[in-house]
Amino acid sequence: MDIPLHVIELDELTLRRLDEADLPELLRVIDESLEHLRPWLPWVAEHSPARTAAHVGRRAECWADGTEYTYALVLDGAIVGLSGLMRREDTEPGGREIGYWLHPAATGRGVATRAARALTEQAFRIPGVEFVEIVHDAANLASGAVPARLGYTEHLRRPAELLAPAKSGEDVVWRLTRRQSADLNGS
């Protein structure tokens, strides 16, 4: 089976498979980012070192079974966030979803866009993947700018639970098909 690369080099930005050895640095980055992430990400309300350690500990299993490929986003040698390529239970067959979050000091520098572009390319290496989605809350305009920059199209809007303080109750689902990706890349 073709799987995503373990390390993706993009100039000063590197995406590398998240490893348990990353835990101390990741905990620091999360702690420094809590107020930035709290409005949008429900897991922040329940964040603890033990929960994060358990989450990181499961990443190898998820990588092995193909359900989730989680990457540390490393900018100038330091972890500045995470991004993942996931197979969600509620996603139609043939689809994957990309998620991302960043330390506030790394925002506005194209990090999420470059990471999402790289993970889109990796998704289409996987046999049977016909589309990739990026989902964000309708009120999170910064997160929504990423798929728009990459040529994704808005696929649908759906009701969502209000699990974080800034959430609007509506998710926007952006989609890029394998064919659209080929057209964008001139292949």
Protein backbone atom coordinates (compact mmCIF):
# COMPACT_ATOMS: atom_id res chain seq x y z
CA MET A 1 0.00 0.00 0.00
CA ASP A 2 1.23 3.47 -0.82
CA ILE A 3 1.24 5.56 2.31
CA PRO A 4 2.19 9.16 2.94
CA LEU A 5 5.86 9.96 3.39
CA HIS A 6 7.16 10.04 6.96
CA VAL A 7 9.04 13.29 6.33
CA ILE A 8 8.11 16.06 3.91
CA GLU A 9 10.66 18.86 3.43
CA LEU A 10 9.31 22.23 2.29
CA ASP A 11 12.20 24.70 2.56
CA GLU A 12 12.24 25.89 6.19
CA LEU A 13 9.03 23.95 6.98
CA THR A 14 9.20 20.23 7.62
CA LEU A 15 6.29 17.90 8.19
CA ARG A 16 7.45 14.81 10.04
CA ARG A 17 5.61 11.88 11.49
CA LEU A 18 4.65 12.68 15.08
CA ASP A 19 6.60 10.54 17.51
CA GLU A 20 6.42 9.94 21.25
CA ALA A 21 9.81 11.67 21.58
CA ASP A 22 8.03 14.88 20.50
CA LEU A 23 5.81 14.90 23.58
CA PRO A 24 7.76 17.36 25.79
CA GLU A 25 8.07 19.95 23.02
CA LEU A 26 4.48 19.38 21.91
CA LEU A 27 3.18 19.93 25.45
CA ARG A 28 5.05 23.25 25.61
CA VAL A 29 3.64 24.35 22.25
CA ILE A 30 0.10 23.41 23.29
CA ASP A 31 0.44 25.20 26.63
CA GLU A 32 1.65 28.34 24.86
CA SER A 33 -1.24 28.07 22.35
CA LEU A 34 -4.18 27.33 24.66
CA GLU A 35 -5.80 30.77 24.50
CA HIS A 36 -5.32 30.89 20.72
CA LEU A 37 -6.85 27.41 20.21
CA ARG A 38 -9.57 27.47 22.89
CA PRO A 39 -12.18 29.33 20.78
CA TRP A 40 -12.12 26.69 18.02
CA LEU A 41 -10.91 23.32 19.27
CA PRO A 42 -13.04 21.36 21.76
CA TRP A 43 -10.15 19.20 22.97
CA VAL A 44 -8.45 22.26 24.48
CA ALA A 45 -11.01 22.40 27.30
CA GLU A 46 -9.92 18.92 28.40
CA HIS A 47 -6.21 19.29 27.64
CA SER A 48 -3.84 17.70 30.11
CA PRO A 49 -0.36 16.23 29.79
CA ALA A 50 -1.80 12.73 30.38
CA ARG A 51 -4.46 13.10 27.65
CA THR A 52 -1.90 14.48 25.19
CA ALA A 53 0.53 11.67 26.01
CA ALA A 54 -2.20 9.09 25.40
CA HIS A 55 -3.14 10.78 22.11
CA VAL A 56 0.47 10.86 20.92
CA GLY A 57 0.92 7.25 22.04
CA ARG A 58 -1.90 6.13 19.72
CA ARG A 59 -0.45 7.83 16.63
CA ALA A 60 1.79 4.89 15.66
CA GLU A 61 -1.20 2.53 15.68
CA CYS A 62 -3.26 4.99 13.61
CA TRP A 63 -0.41 5.34 11.12
CA ALA A 64 -0.08 1.56 10.85
CA ASP A 65 -3.79 0.98 10.21
CA GLY A 66 -4.10 3.95 7.85
CA THR A 67 -6.75 5.83 9.81
CA GLU A 68 -4.62 8.88 10.57
CA TYR A 69 -1.26 10.24 9.54
CA THR A 70 -0.26 12.89 12.09
CA TYR A 71 2.62 15.25 11.42
CA ALA A 72 4.54 17.64 13.63
CA LEU A 73 4.89 20.93 11.78
CA VAL A 74 8.49 21.97 12.28
CA LEU A 75 9.49 25.50 11.34
CA ASP A 76 13.11 26.56 11.67
CA GLY A 77 13.78 23.47 13.80
CA ALA A 78 10.91 23.91 16.30
CA ILE A 79 7.46 22.31 16.45
CA VAL A 80 4.84 25.00 15.73
CA GLY A 81 1.72 22.84 15.43
CA LEU A 82 0.24 19.63 14.09
CA SER A 83 -1.47 18.58 10.90
CA GLY A 84 -3.12 15.33 10.03
CA LEU A 85 -4.54 13.36 7.16
CA MET A 86 -7.47 11.34 8.50
CA ARG A 87 -10.04 8.80 7.42
CA ARG A 88 -13.16 9.82 9.33
CA GLU A 89 -16.08 7.48 9.97
CA ASP A 90 -18.55 10.07 8.69
CA THR A 91 -16.64 10.78 5.46
CA GLU A 92 -17.91 9.19 2.28
CA PRO A 93 -15.86 6.25 0.95
CA GLY A 94 -12.85 7.39 -1.04
CA GLY A 95 -12.31 10.50 1.06
CA ARG A 96 -9.80 11.81 3.57
CA GLU A 97 -9.83 14.93 5.73
CA ILE A 98 -7.00 17.30 6.56
CA GLY A 99 -6.85 19.09 9.89
CA TYR A 100 -4.31 21.56 11.30
CA TRP A 101 -3.57 23.87 14.20
CA LEU A 102 -0.72 26.27 14.83
CA HIS A 103 1.05 28.08 17.64
CA PRO A 104 -0.05 31.74 17.38
CA ALA A 105 3.51 32.85 16.52
CA ALA A 106 3.38 30.67 13.38
CA THR A 107 0.12 32.05 11.99
CA GLY A 108 0.02 34.35 8.98
CA ARG A 109 3.16 32.81 7.48
CA GLY A 110 1.60 30.28 5.09
CA VAL A 111 2.45 27.32 7.32
CA ALA A 112 -1.06 25.81 7.37
CA THR A 113 -1.47 26.36 3.63
CA ARG A 114 1.86 24.71 2.78
CA ALA A 115 1.13 21.81 5.14
CA ALA A 116 -2.37 21.29 3.70
CA ARG A 117 -0.99 21.41 0.15
CA ALA A 118 1.61 18.77 1.02
CA LEU A 119 -0.95 16.54 2.74
CA THR A 120 -3.33 16.89 -0.20
CA GLU A 121 -0.57 15.56 -2.45
CA GLN A 122 0.12 12.73 0.00
CA ALA A 123 -3.59 11.82 0.16
CA PHE A 124 -3.70 11.22 -3.56
CA ARG A 125 -0.78 8.76 -3.25
CA ILE A 126 -3.14 6.46 -1.34
CA PRO A 127 -5.01 4.04 -3.61
CA GLY A 128 -8.75 4.64 -3.65
CA VAL A 129 -8.62 8.22 -2.38
CA GLU A 130 -10.77 10.25 -4.75
CA PHE A 131 -11.23 13.44 -2.73
CA VAL A 132 -9.83 15.35 0.22
CA GLU A 133 -11.82 17.60 2.54
CA ILE A 134 -10.99 20.41 4.93
CA VAL A 135 -13.68 21.18 7.51
CA HIS A 136 -13.83 24.30 9.66
CA ASP A 137 -16.35 26.33 11.59
CA ALA A 138 -18.00 28.99 9.43
CA ALA A 139 -16.80 31.71 11.81
CA ASN A 140 -13.15 30.62 11.58
CA LEU A 141 -12.21 32.68 8.54
CA ALA A 142 -8.47 32.12 8.90
CA SER A 143 -8.93 28.36 8.75
CA GLY A 144 -11.27 28.70 5.79
CA ALA A 145 -8.74 30.73 3.81
CA VAL A 146 -6.47 27.68 3.54
CA PRO A 147 -8.67 25.46 1.33
CA ALA A 148 -9.75 28.47 -0.73
CA ARG A 149 -6.07 29.25 -1.52
CA LEU A 150 -5.47 25.64 -2.56
CA GLY A 151 -8.28 25.40 -5.09
CA TYR A 152 -10.71 23.44 -2.94
CA THR A 153 -14.37 24.27 -3.52
CA GLU A 154 -17.03 24.64 -0.91
CA HIS A 155 -18.87 21.32 -0.95
CA LEU A 156 -21.49 21.85 1.74
CA ARG A 157 -22.42 23.46 5.02
CA ARG A 158 -23.82 21.40 7.86
CA PRO A 159 -24.98 21.94 11.41
CA ALA A 160 -22.34 21.34 14.06
CA GLU A 161 -22.38 21.07 17.81
CA LEU A 162 -21.24 24.12 19.74
CA LEU A 163 -18.34 22.39 21.48
CA ALA A 164 -15.96 25.37 21.66
CA PRO A 165 -16.67 29.00 22.62
CA ALA A 166 -16.32 30.72 19.21
CA LYS A 167 -18.08 28.05 17.17
CA SER A 168 -21.06 29.23 15.16
CA GLY A 169 -22.88 25.91 14.91
CA GLU A 170 -22.15 25.54 11.20
CA ASP A 171 -19.28 23.62 9.61
CA VAL A 172 -18.03 24.43 6.13
CA VAL A 173 -16.79 21.40 4.19
CA TRP A 174 -14.36 22.14 1.37
CA ARG A 175 -13.49 19.43 -1.14
CA LEU A 176 -10.83 18.82 -3.77
CA THR A 177 -11.20 15.79 -6.03
CA ARG A 178 -8.36 13.83 -7.55
CA ARG A 179 -9.35 15.17 -10.96
CA GLN A 180 -9.47 18.80 -9.77
CA SER A 181 -6.03 18.33 -8.21
CA ALA A 182 -4.63 16.96 -11.47
CA ASP A 183 -6.15 19.91 -13.38
CA LEU A 184 -4.62 22.39 -10.89
CA ASN A 185 -1.24 20.74 -11.19
CA GLY A 186 -1.35 20.48 -14.98
CA SER A 187 -1.25 16.68 -15.12
